[in-house]
């Protein structure tokens, strides 16, 4: 038992040392000029990397990234080829070909994954044709990933996407109902209530107050008043606003059509 405790303590010390060294390395290295330039490109599409998890993206920003992946990657290619960020020790033509090839691979994967993300988040039952498309996209994504990056290990989530998602969607007909979106929403609301009732120190009383608040918000009378207030305070839509909304919808439809066309071209090229 003493030996076990000693081993456990030693493992914990090694873990803490590695963790502190890694944090120090990340802090000392900081963002490179190219990283900052790419962040500005993402900012043009209202996409911002968060400070946690090494620069993660929130859900909505992930969807924007997938929807506009073609334009974003094209702009990043231009940046990576510019003399300001290029490695002077490498031959320009060779480097440009390598950048084009790698970024084209990433663009293909993101285009396919965008279609997967759209179907996988749907909460309405998928049609047989949509289920068949989702299974094909999952299989295609796994095959292309291995082809484009043969030396990269297969992440567990890619294995789930490729090997298990098709079976799940065939069994249940829909996957959006089993996503974490609703849980994340409840977590967000719970954090708001925690701030509101933070002055109540006793846990039981605080949770009781939160529960009463939630029950009161679901009353028919309260819901009716909230609806009336929202209608009365809603700003009238001007012609310019309507034009902007229609323009955004048209741009979204155009991007979706281009993505679908791109996937079909990829499939035709593989068949030929």
C-alpha atoms as a PDB file:
ATOM      1  CA  UNK A   1       0.000   0.000   0.000  1.00  0.00           C
ATOM      2  CA  UNK A   2       2.850   2.344   0.856  1.00  0.00           C
ATOM      3  CA  UNK A   3       4.513   1.544  -2.474  1.00  0.00           C
ATOM      4  CA  UNK A   4       1.243   2.292  -4.295  1.00  0.00           C
ATOM      5  CA  UNK A   5       0.952   5.688  -2.583  1.00  0.00           C
ATOM      6  CA  UNK A   6       4.582   6.435  -3.436  1.00  0.00           C
ATOM      7  CA  UNK A   7       4.019   5.550  -7.105  1.00  0.00           C
ATOM      8  CA  UNK A   8       0.825   7.605  -7.220  1.00  0.00           C
ATOM      9  CA  UNK A   9       2.589  10.605  -5.685  1.00  0.00           C
ATOM     10  CA  UNK A  10       5.467  10.302  -8.152  1.00  0.00           C
ATOM     11  CA  UNK A  11       3.068  10.117 -11.129  1.00  0.00           C
ATOM     12  CA  UNK A  12       1.229  13.195  -9.877  1.00  0.00           C
ATOM     13  CA  UNK A  13       4.498  15.123  -9.577  1.00  0.00           C
ATOM     14  CA  UNK A  14       5.512  14.150 -13.125  1.00  0.00           C
ATOM     15  CA  UNK A  15       2.090  15.229 -14.424  1.00  0.00           C
ATOM     16  CA  UNK A  16       2.257  18.605 -12.687  1.00  0.00           C
ATOM     17  CA  UNK A  17       5.804  19.188 -13.986  1.00  0.00           C
ATOM     18  CA  UNK A  18       4.829  18.409 -17.586  1.00  0.00           C
ATOM     19  CA  UNK A  19       1.701  20.537 -17.270  1.00  0.00           C
ATOM     20  CA  UNK A  20       3.618  23.566 -15.932  1.00  0.00           C
ATOM     21  CA  UNK A  21       6.351  23.208 -18.580  1.00  0.00           C
ATOM     22  CA  UNK A  22       3.775  23.004 -21.359  1.00  0.00           C
ATOM     23  CA  UNK A  23       1.923  26.070 -20.050  1.00  0.00           C
ATOM     24  CA  UNK A  24       5.206  28.001 -19.824  1.00  0.00           C
ATOM     25  CA  UNK A  25       6.155  27.007 -23.388  1.00  0.00           C
ATOM     26  CA  UNK A  26       2.790  28.122 -24.775  1.00  0.00           C
ATOM     27  CA  UNK A  27       2.972  31.403 -22.879  1.00  0.00           C
ATOM     28  CA  UNK A  28       6.545  32.161 -23.965  1.00  0.00           C
ATOM     29  CA  UNK A  29       5.999  31.284 -27.626  1.00  0.00           C
ATOM     30  CA  UNK A  30       2.868  33.405 -28.064  1.00  0.00           C
ATOM     31  CA  UNK A  31       1.016  33.872 -31.367  1.00  0.00           C
ATOM     32  CA  UNK A  32       3.138  34.136 -34.499  1.00  0.00           C
ATOM     33  CA  UNK A  33       2.637  36.981 -37.021  1.00  0.00           C
ATOM     34  CA  UNK A  34       0.974  34.495 -39.405  1.00  0.00           C
ATOM     35  CA  UNK A  35      -1.351  33.324 -36.630  1.00  0.00           C
ATOM     36  CA  UNK A  36      -2.355  36.938 -35.940  1.00  0.00           C
ATOM     37  CA  UNK A  37      -2.938  37.580 -39.657  1.00  0.00           C
ATOM     38  CA  UNK A  38      -5.156  34.486 -39.959  1.00  0.00           C
ATOM     39  CA  UNK A  39      -7.077  35.608 -36.851  1.00  0.00           C
ATOM     40  CA  UNK A  40      -7.821  38.882 -38.660  1.00  0.00           C
ATOM     41  CA  UNK A  41      -9.133  36.923 -41.656  1.00  0.00           C
ATOM     42  CA  UNK A  42     -11.429  34.957 -39.336  1.00  0.00           C
ATOM     43  CA  UNK A  43     -12.535  38.252 -37.777  1.00  0.00           C
ATOM     44  CA  UNK A  44     -13.772  39.399 -41.207  1.00  0.00           C
ATOM     45  CA  UNK A  45     -16.266  36.520 -41.011  1.00  0.00           C
ATOM     46  CA  UNK A  46     -17.168  37.305 -37.352  1.00  0.00           C
ATOM     47  CA  UNK A  47     -15.235  34.243 -36.140  1.00  0.00           C
ATOM     48  CA  UNK A  48     -13.192  34.640 -32.950  1.00  0.00           C
ATOM     49  CA  UNK A  49     -10.938  32.128 -31.223  1.00  0.00           C
ATOM     50  CA  UNK A  50     -11.561  31.841 -27.495  1.00  0.00           C
ATOM     51  CA  UNK A  51      -8.827  32.035 -24.871  1.00  0.00           C
ATOM     52  CA  UNK A  52      -9.508  28.586 -23.414  1.00  0.00           C
ATOM     53  CA  UNK A  53      -8.396  25.183 -24.778  1.00  0.00           C
ATOM     54  CA  UNK A  54      -5.631  26.708 -26.878  1.00  0.00           C
ATOM     55  CA  UNK A  55      -7.939  28.863 -28.986  1.00  0.00           C
ATOM     56  CA  UNK A  56     -11.176  26.898 -29.332  1.00  0.00           C
ATOM     57  CA  UNK A  57     -14.235  28.082 -31.278  1.00  0.00           C
ATOM     58  CA  UNK A  58     -17.774  28.285 -29.909  1.00  0.00           C
ATOM     59  CA  UNK A  59     -20.552  26.438 -31.725  1.00  0.00           C
ATOM     60  CA  UNK A  60     -21.895  29.277 -33.880  1.00  0.00           C
ATOM     61  CA  UNK A  61     -18.392  30.263 -34.973  1.00  0.00           C
ATOM     62  CA  UNK A  62     -17.741  26.658 -36.009  1.00  0.00           C
ATOM     63  CA  UNK A  63     -20.815  26.776 -38.259  1.00  0.00           C
ATOM     64  CA  UNK A  64     -19.656  30.068 -39.794  1.00  0.00           C
ATOM     65  CA  UNK A  65     -16.208  28.570 -40.381  1.00  0.00           C
ATOM     66  CA  UNK A  66     -17.688  25.551 -42.169  1.00  0.00           C
ATOM     67  CA  UNK A  67     -20.157  27.600 -44.229  1.00  0.00           C
ATOM     68  CA  UNK A  68     -17.463  30.001 -45.468  1.00  0.00           C
ATOM     69  CA  UNK A  69     -14.537  27.567 -45.528  1.00  0.00           C
ATOM     70  CA  UNK A  70     -13.821  28.146 -49.244  1.00  0.00           C
ATOM     71  CA  UNK A  71     -13.395  31.921 -48.969  1.00  0.00           C
ATOM     72  CA  UNK A  72     -11.496  31.673 -45.657  1.00  0.00           C
ATOM     73  CA  UNK A  73      -9.013  29.100 -46.926  1.00  0.00           C
ATOM     74  CA  UNK A  74      -8.426  31.051 -50.154  1.00  0.00           C
ATOM     75  CA  UNK A  75      -7.536  34.147 -48.126  1.00  0.00           C
ATOM     76  CA  UNK A  76      -5.291  32.124 -45.814  1.00  0.00           C
ATOM     77  CA  UNK A  77      -3.476  30.700 -48.860  1.00  0.00           C
ATOM     78  CA  UNK A  78      -2.682  34.211 -50.065  1.00  0.00           C
ATOM     79  CA  UNK A  79      -1.316  35.099 -46.634  1.00  0.00           C
ATOM     80  CA  UNK A  80       0.838  31.968 -46.366  1.00  0.00           C
ATOM     81  CA  UNK A  81       2.369  32.640 -49.799  1.00  0.00           C
ATOM     82  CA  UNK A  82       3.210  36.286 -49.119  1.00  0.00           C
ATOM     83  CA  UNK A  83       6.937  37.089 -48.598  1.00  0.00           C
ATOM     84  CA  UNK A  84       6.128  38.540 -45.183  1.00  0.00           C
ATOM     85  CA  UNK A  85       5.226  35.116 -43.758  1.00  0.00           C
ATOM     86  CA  UNK A  86       7.016  32.706 -46.106  1.00  0.00           C
ATOM     87  CA  UNK A  87      10.098  30.765 -45.044  1.00  0.00           C
ATOM     88  CA  UNK A  88      12.980  32.352 -47.048  1.00  0.00           C
ATOM     89  CA  UNK A  89      14.998  29.113 -46.989  1.00  0.00           C
ATOM     90  CA  UNK A  90      12.414  27.289 -49.133  1.00  0.00           C
ATOM     91  CA  UNK A  91      11.941  27.620 -52.869  1.00  0.00           C
ATOM     92  CA  UNK A  92       8.923  29.795 -53.654  1.00  0.00           C
ATOM     93  CA  UNK A  93       7.364  27.612 -56.374  1.00  0.00           C
ATOM     94  CA  UNK A  94       7.747  24.414 -54.350  1.00  0.00           C
ATOM     95  CA  UNK A  95       6.359  26.043 -51.218  1.00  0.00           C
ATOM     96  CA  UNK A  96       3.366  27.503 -53.065  1.00  0.00           C
ATOM     97  CA  UNK A  97       2.506  24.106 -54.578  1.00  0.00           C
ATOM     98  CA  UNK A  98       2.706  22.502 -51.147  1.00  0.00           C
ATOM     99  CA  UNK A  99       0.469  25.196 -49.607  1.00  0.00           C
ATOM    100  CA  UNK A 100      -2.102  24.866 -52.411  1.00  0.00           C
ATOM    101  CA  UNK A 101      -2.209  21.087 -52.065  1.00  0.00           C
ATOM    102  CA  UNK A 102      -2.512  21.016 -48.270  1.00  0.00           C
ATOM    103  CA  UNK A 103      -5.123  23.782 -48.124  1.00  0.00           C
ATOM    104  CA  UNK A 104      -7.124  22.134 -50.911  1.00  0.00           C
ATOM    105  CA  UNK A 105      -7.209  18.949 -48.843  1.00  0.00           C
ATOM    106  CA  UNK A 106      -8.432  20.884 -45.796  1.00  0.00           C
ATOM    107  CA  UNK A 107     -11.059  22.648 -47.901  1.00  0.00           C
ATOM    108  CA  UNK A 108     -12.357  19.323 -49.236  1.00  0.00           C
ATOM    109  CA  UNK A 109     -12.637  17.868 -45.723  1.00  0.00           C
ATOM    110  CA  UNK A 110     -14.370  20.966 -44.348  1.00  0.00           C
ATOM    111  CA  UNK A 111     -16.845  20.978 -47.256  1.00  0.00           C
ATOM    112  CA  UNK A 112     -17.802  17.368 -46.580  1.00  0.00           C
ATOM    113  CA  UNK A 113     -17.950  17.933 -42.829  1.00  0.00           C
ATOM    114  CA  UNK A 114     -20.255  20.927 -43.322  1.00  0.00           C
ATOM    115  CA  UNK A 115     -22.853  18.627 -44.906  1.00  0.00           C
ATOM    116  CA  UNK A 116     -22.383  16.139 -42.072  1.00  0.00           C
ATOM    117  CA  UNK A 117     -22.850  18.890 -39.461  1.00  0.00           C
ATOM    118  CA  UNK A 118     -26.086  20.093 -41.105  1.00  0.00           C
ATOM    119  CA  UNK A 119     -27.647  16.611 -41.142  1.00  0.00           C
ATOM    120  CA  UNK A 120     -26.310  15.473 -37.787  1.00  0.00           C
ATOM    121  CA  UNK A 121     -27.838  18.447 -35.899  1.00  0.00           C
ATOM    122  CA  UNK A 122     -31.321  18.109 -37.405  1.00  0.00           C
ATOM    123  CA  UNK A 123     -33.976  17.341 -34.801  1.00  0.00           C
ATOM    124  CA  UNK A 124     -36.597  16.309 -37.371  1.00  0.00           C
ATOM    125  CA  UNK A 125     -36.487  12.708 -38.656  1.00  0.00           C
ATOM    126  CA  UNK A 126     -34.251  12.396 -41.702  1.00  0.00           C
ATOM    127  CA  UNK A 127     -35.619  11.020 -44.951  1.00  0.00           C
ATOM    128  CA  UNK A 128     -34.168   7.743 -46.310  1.00  0.00           C
ATOM    129  CA  UNK A 129     -32.265   9.767 -48.928  1.00  0.00           C
ATOM    130  CA  UNK A 130     -30.781  12.068 -46.259  1.00  0.00           C
ATOM    131  CA  UNK A 131     -29.772   9.076 -44.119  1.00  0.00           C
ATOM    132  CA  UNK A 132     -28.062   7.533 -47.140  1.00  0.00           C
ATOM    133  CA  UNK A 133     -26.271  10.838 -47.875  1.00  0.00           C
ATOM    134  CA  UNK A 134     -25.114  11.168 -44.257  1.00  0.00           C
ATOM    135  CA  UNK A 135     -23.684   7.639 -44.272  1.00  0.00           C
ATOM    136  CA  UNK A 136     -21.854   8.338 -47.538  1.00  0.00           C
ATOM    137  CA  UNK A 137     -20.458  11.627 -46.232  1.00  0.00           C
ATOM    138  CA  UNK A 138     -19.195   9.966 -43.028  1.00  0.00           C
ATOM    139  CA  UNK A 139     -17.488   7.199 -44.983  1.00  0.00           C
ATOM    140  CA  UNK A 140     -16.051   9.668 -47.474  1.00  0.00           C
ATOM    141  CA  UNK A 141     -14.702  11.928 -44.720  1.00  0.00           C
ATOM    142  CA  UNK A 142     -12.820   9.037 -43.088  1.00  0.00           C
ATOM    143  CA  UNK A 143     -11.392   7.813 -46.407  1.00  0.00           C
ATOM    144  CA  UNK A 144     -10.238  11.298 -47.475  1.00  0.00           C
ATOM    145  CA  UNK A 145      -8.691  11.998 -44.080  1.00  0.00           C
ATOM    146  CA  UNK A 146      -6.560   8.864 -44.354  1.00  0.00           C
ATOM    147  CA  UNK A 147      -5.636   9.687 -47.947  1.00  0.00           C
ATOM    148  CA  UNK A 148      -4.700  13.305 -47.291  1.00  0.00           C
ATOM    149  CA  UNK A 149      -2.932  12.736 -43.956  1.00  0.00           C
ATOM    150  CA  UNK A 150      -1.607   9.145 -43.992  1.00  0.00           C
ATOM    151  CA  UNK A 151       0.871   9.758 -41.168  1.00  0.00           C
ATOM    152  CA  UNK A 152      -1.674  11.324 -38.797  1.00  0.00           C
ATOM    153  CA  UNK A 153      -3.270   9.144 -36.088  1.00  0.00           C
ATOM    154  CA  UNK A 154      -7.016   8.591 -36.251  1.00  0.00           C
ATOM    155  CA  UNK A 155      -8.745  10.642 -33.496  1.00  0.00           C
ATOM    156  CA  UNK A 156     -11.427   8.807 -31.477  1.00  0.00           C
ATOM    157  CA  UNK A 157     -14.149  11.197 -32.672  1.00  0.00           C
ATOM    158  CA  UNK A 158     -13.270  10.481 -36.294  1.00  0.00           C
ATOM    159  CA  UNK A 159     -13.646   6.759 -35.551  1.00  0.00           C
ATOM    160  CA  UNK A 160     -17.076   7.448 -34.006  1.00  0.00           C
ATOM    161  CA  UNK A 161     -18.103   9.562 -37.003  1.00  0.00           C
ATOM    162  CA  UNK A 162     -16.961   6.987 -39.527  1.00  0.00           C
ATOM    163  CA  UNK A 163     -17.867   3.710 -37.809  1.00  0.00           C
ATOM    164  CA  UNK A 164     -20.770   4.415 -35.432  1.00  0.00           C
ATOM    165  CA  UNK A 165     -22.744   7.460 -36.618  1.00  0.00           C
ATOM    166  CA  UNK A 166     -24.122   5.612 -39.696  1.00  0.00           C
ATOM    167  CA  UNK A 167     -25.395   2.782 -37.461  1.00  0.00           C
ATOM    168  CA  UNK A 168     -26.963   5.252 -35.008  1.00  0.00           C
ATOM    169  CA  UNK A 169     -28.784   7.255 -37.685  1.00  0.00           C
ATOM    170  CA  UNK A 170     -30.056   4.061 -39.324  1.00  0.00           C
ATOM    171  CA  UNK A 171     -31.374   2.867 -35.959  1.00  0.00           C
ATOM    172  CA  UNK A 172     -32.937   6.125 -34.712  1.00  0.00           C
ATOM    173  CA  UNK A 173     -33.542   8.118 -37.901  1.00  0.00           C
ATOM    174  CA  UNK A 174     -32.313  11.330 -36.267  1.00  0.00           C
ATOM    175  CA  UNK A 175     -29.295  12.412 -34.204  1.00  0.00           C
ATOM    176  CA  UNK A 176     -29.996  16.051 -33.318  1.00  0.00           C
ATOM    177  CA  UNK A 177     -32.233  15.002 -30.418  1.00  0.00           C
ATOM    178  CA  UNK A 178     -29.251  13.322 -28.761  1.00  0.00           C
ATOM    179  CA  UNK A 179     -26.862  16.280 -29.066  1.00  0.00           C
ATOM    180  CA  UNK A 180     -25.478  18.321 -26.175  1.00  0.00           C
ATOM    181  CA  UNK A 181     -27.024  21.602 -27.398  1.00  0.00           C
ATOM    182  CA  UNK A 182     -29.954  21.455 -24.961  1.00  0.00           C
ATOM    183  CA  UNK A 183     -27.672  20.520 -22.071  1.00  0.00           C
ATOM    184  CA  UNK A 184     -25.368  23.439 -22.873  1.00  0.00           C
ATOM    185  CA  UNK A 185     -28.391  25.741 -23.002  1.00  0.00           C
ATOM    186  CA  UNK A 186     -29.586  24.561 -19.579  1.00  0.00           C
ATOM    187  CA  UNK A 187     -26.059  24.983 -18.223  1.00  0.00           C
ATOM    188  CA  UNK A 188     -25.998  28.574 -19.505  1.00  0.00           C
ATOM    189  CA  UNK A 189     -29.369  29.365 -17.873  1.00  0.00           C
ATOM    190  CA  UNK A 190     -28.285  27.729 -14.622  1.00  0.00           C
ATOM    191  CA  UNK A 191     -25.162  29.921 -14.506  1.00  0.00           C
ATOM    192  CA  UNK A 192     -27.328  33.026 -14.926  1.00  0.00           C
ATOM    193  CA  UNK A 193     -29.536  31.932 -12.013  1.00  0.00           C
ATOM    194  CA  UNK A 194     -26.404  31.259  -9.938  1.00  0.00           C
ATOM    195  CA  UNK A 195     -25.336  34.867 -10.413  1.00  0.00           C
ATOM    196  CA  UNK A 196     -28.813  36.192  -9.613  1.00  0.00           C
ATOM    197  CA  UNK A 197     -29.078  34.223  -6.360  1.00  0.00           C
ATOM    198  CA  UNK A 198     -25.390  34.313  -5.415  1.00  0.00           C
ATOM    199  CA  UNK A 199     -26.230  36.310  -2.244  1.00  0.00           C
ATOM    200  CA  UNK A 200     -28.062  33.276  -0.851  1.00  0.00           C
ATOM    201  CA  UNK A 201     -25.261  31.268   0.771  1.00  0.00           C
ATOM    202  CA  UNK A 202     -27.233  28.172   1.760  1.00  0.00           C
ATOM    203  CA  UNK A 203     -27.274  25.722  -1.118  1.00  0.00           C
ATOM    204  CA  UNK A 204     -30.778  24.331  -0.461  1.00  0.00           C
ATOM    205  CA  UNK A 205     -32.414  27.760  -0.238  1.00  0.00           C
ATOM    206  CA  UNK A 206     -30.586  28.946  -3.346  1.00  0.00           C
ATOM    207  CA  UNK A 207     -31.698  25.919  -5.368  1.00  0.00           C
ATOM    208  CA  UNK A 208     -35.270  26.295  -4.077  1.00  0.00           C
ATOM    209  CA  UNK A 209     -35.330  29.949  -5.201  1.00  0.00           C
ATOM    210  CA  UNK A 210     -34.003  28.989  -8.625  1.00  0.00           C
ATOM    211  CA  UNK A 211     -36.644  26.297  -8.990  1.00  0.00           C
ATOM    212  CA  UNK A 212     -39.465  28.713  -8.054  1.00  0.00           C
ATOM    213  CA  UNK A 213     -38.128  31.246 -10.566  1.00  0.00           C
ATOM    214  CA  UNK A 214     -38.098  28.619 -13.301  1.00  0.00           C
ATOM    215  CA  UNK A 215     -41.619  27.408 -12.455  1.00  0.00           C
ATOM    216  CA  UNK A 216     -42.900  30.983 -12.474  1.00  0.00           C
ATOM    217  CA  UNK A 217     -41.387  31.656 -15.908  1.00  0.00           C
ATOM    218  CA  UNK A 218     -43.345  28.718 -17.360  1.00  0.00           C
ATOM    219  CA  UNK A 219     -46.761  29.936 -16.147  1.00  0.00           C
ATOM    220  CA  UNK A 220     -49.274  30.686 -18.924  1.00  0.00           C
ATOM    221  CA  UNK A 221     -49.849  34.262 -17.683  1.00  0.00           C
ATOM    222  CA  UNK A 222     -46.129  35.029 -17.581  1.00  0.00           C
ATOM    223  CA  UNK A 223     -45.561  33.528 -21.036  1.00  0.00           C
ATOM    224  CA  UNK A 224     -48.398  35.640 -22.454  1.00  0.00           C
ATOM    225  CA  UNK A 225     -46.987  38.858 -20.951  1.00  0.00           C
ATOM    226  CA  UNK A 226     -43.494  38.059 -22.263  1.00  0.00           C
ATOM    227  CA  UNK A 227     -44.910  37.502 -25.746  1.00  0.00           C
ATOM    228  CA  UNK A 228     -46.800  40.819 -25.656  1.00  0.00           C
ATOM    229  CA  UNK A 229     -43.709  42.701 -24.486  1.00  0.00           C
ATOM    230  CA  UNK A 230     -41.569  41.138 -27.209  1.00  0.00           C
ATOM    231  CA  UNK A 231     -44.110  42.093 -29.878  1.00  0.00           C
ATOM    232  CA  UNK A 232     -44.481  45.682 -28.653  1.00  0.00           C
ATOM    233  CA  UNK A 233     -40.723  46.254 -28.282  1.00  0.00           C
ATOM    234  CA  UNK A 234     -39.778  44.627 -31.567  1.00  0.00           C
ATOM    235  CA  UNK A 235     -38.376  47.132 -34.039  1.00  0.00           C
ATOM    236  CA  UNK A 236     -40.249  47.506 -37.298  1.00  0.00           C
ATOM    237  CA  UNK A 237     -38.391  46.085 -40.275  1.00  0.00           C
ATOM    238  CA  UNK A 238     -37.436  48.754 -42.797  1.00  0.00           C
ATOM    239  CA  UNK A 239     -36.894  48.168 -46.497  1.00  0.00           C
ATOM    240  CA  UNK A 240     -33.130  48.317 -46.028  1.00  0.00           C
ATOM    241  CA  UNK A 241     -33.256  45.701 -43.281  1.00  0.00           C
ATOM    242  CA  UNK A 242     -35.393  43.455 -45.461  1.00  0.00           C
ATOM    243  CA  UNK A 243     -32.899  43.808 -48.297  1.00  0.00           C
ATOM    244  CA  UNK A 244     -30.020  42.906 -45.984  1.00  0.00           C
ATOM    245  CA  UNK A 245     -31.872  39.842 -44.680  1.00  0.00           C
ATOM    246  CA  UNK A 246     -32.659  38.683 -48.238  1.00  0.00           C
ATOM    247  CA  UNK A 247     -29.063  39.310 -49.277  1.00  0.00           C
ATOM    248  CA  UNK A 248     -27.737  37.195 -46.394  1.00  0.00           C
ATOM    249  CA  UNK A 249     -30.170  34.393 -47.258  1.00  0.00           C
ATOM    250  CA  UNK A 250     -29.106  34.481 -50.915  1.00  0.00           C
ATOM    251  CA  UNK A 251     -25.421  34.371 -49.916  1.00  0.00           C
ATOM    252  CA  UNK A 252     -26.092  31.390 -47.634  1.00  0.00           C
ATOM    253  CA  UNK A 253     -27.955  29.539 -50.423  1.00  0.00           C
ATOM    254  CA  UNK A 254     -25.124  30.299 -52.864  1.00  0.00           C
ATOM    255  CA  UNK A 255     -22.513  28.931 -50.445  1.00  0.00           C
ATOM    256  CA  UNK A 256     -24.574  25.763 -49.862  1.00  0.00           C
ATOM    257  CA  UNK A 257     -24.945  25.226 -53.630  1.00  0.00           C
ATOM    258  CA  UNK A 258     -21.210  25.675 -54.159  1.00  0.00           C
ATOM    259  CA  UNK A 259     -20.465  23.185 -51.373  1.00  0.00           C
ATOM    260  CA  UNK A 260     -22.864  20.614 -52.845  1.00  0.00           C
ATOM    261  CA  UNK A 261     -21.356  21.132 -56.289  1.00  0.00           C
ATOM    262  CA  UNK A 262     -17.873  20.707 -54.841  1.00  0.00           C
ATOM    263  CA  UNK A 263     -18.771  17.406 -53.134  1.00  0.00           C
ATOM    264  CA  UNK A 264     -20.329  16.073 -56.339  1.00  0.00           C
ATOM    265  CA  UNK A 265     -17.215  17.027 -58.312  1.00  0.00           C
ATOM    266  CA  UNK A 266     -15.071  15.198 -55.750  1.00  0.00           C
ATOM    267  CA  UNK A 267     -17.244  12.083 -56.085  1.00  0.00           C
ATOM    268  CA  UNK A 268     -17.130  12.227 -59.901  1.00  0.00           C
ATOM    269  CA  UNK A 269     -13.355  12.588 -59.864  1.00  0.00           C
ATOM    270  CA  UNK A 270     -13.007   9.545 -57.611  1.00  0.00           C
ATOM    271  CA  UNK A 271     -15.316   7.494 -59.816  1.00  0.00           C
ATOM    272  CA  UNK A 272     -13.405   8.450 -62.953  1.00  0.00           C
END
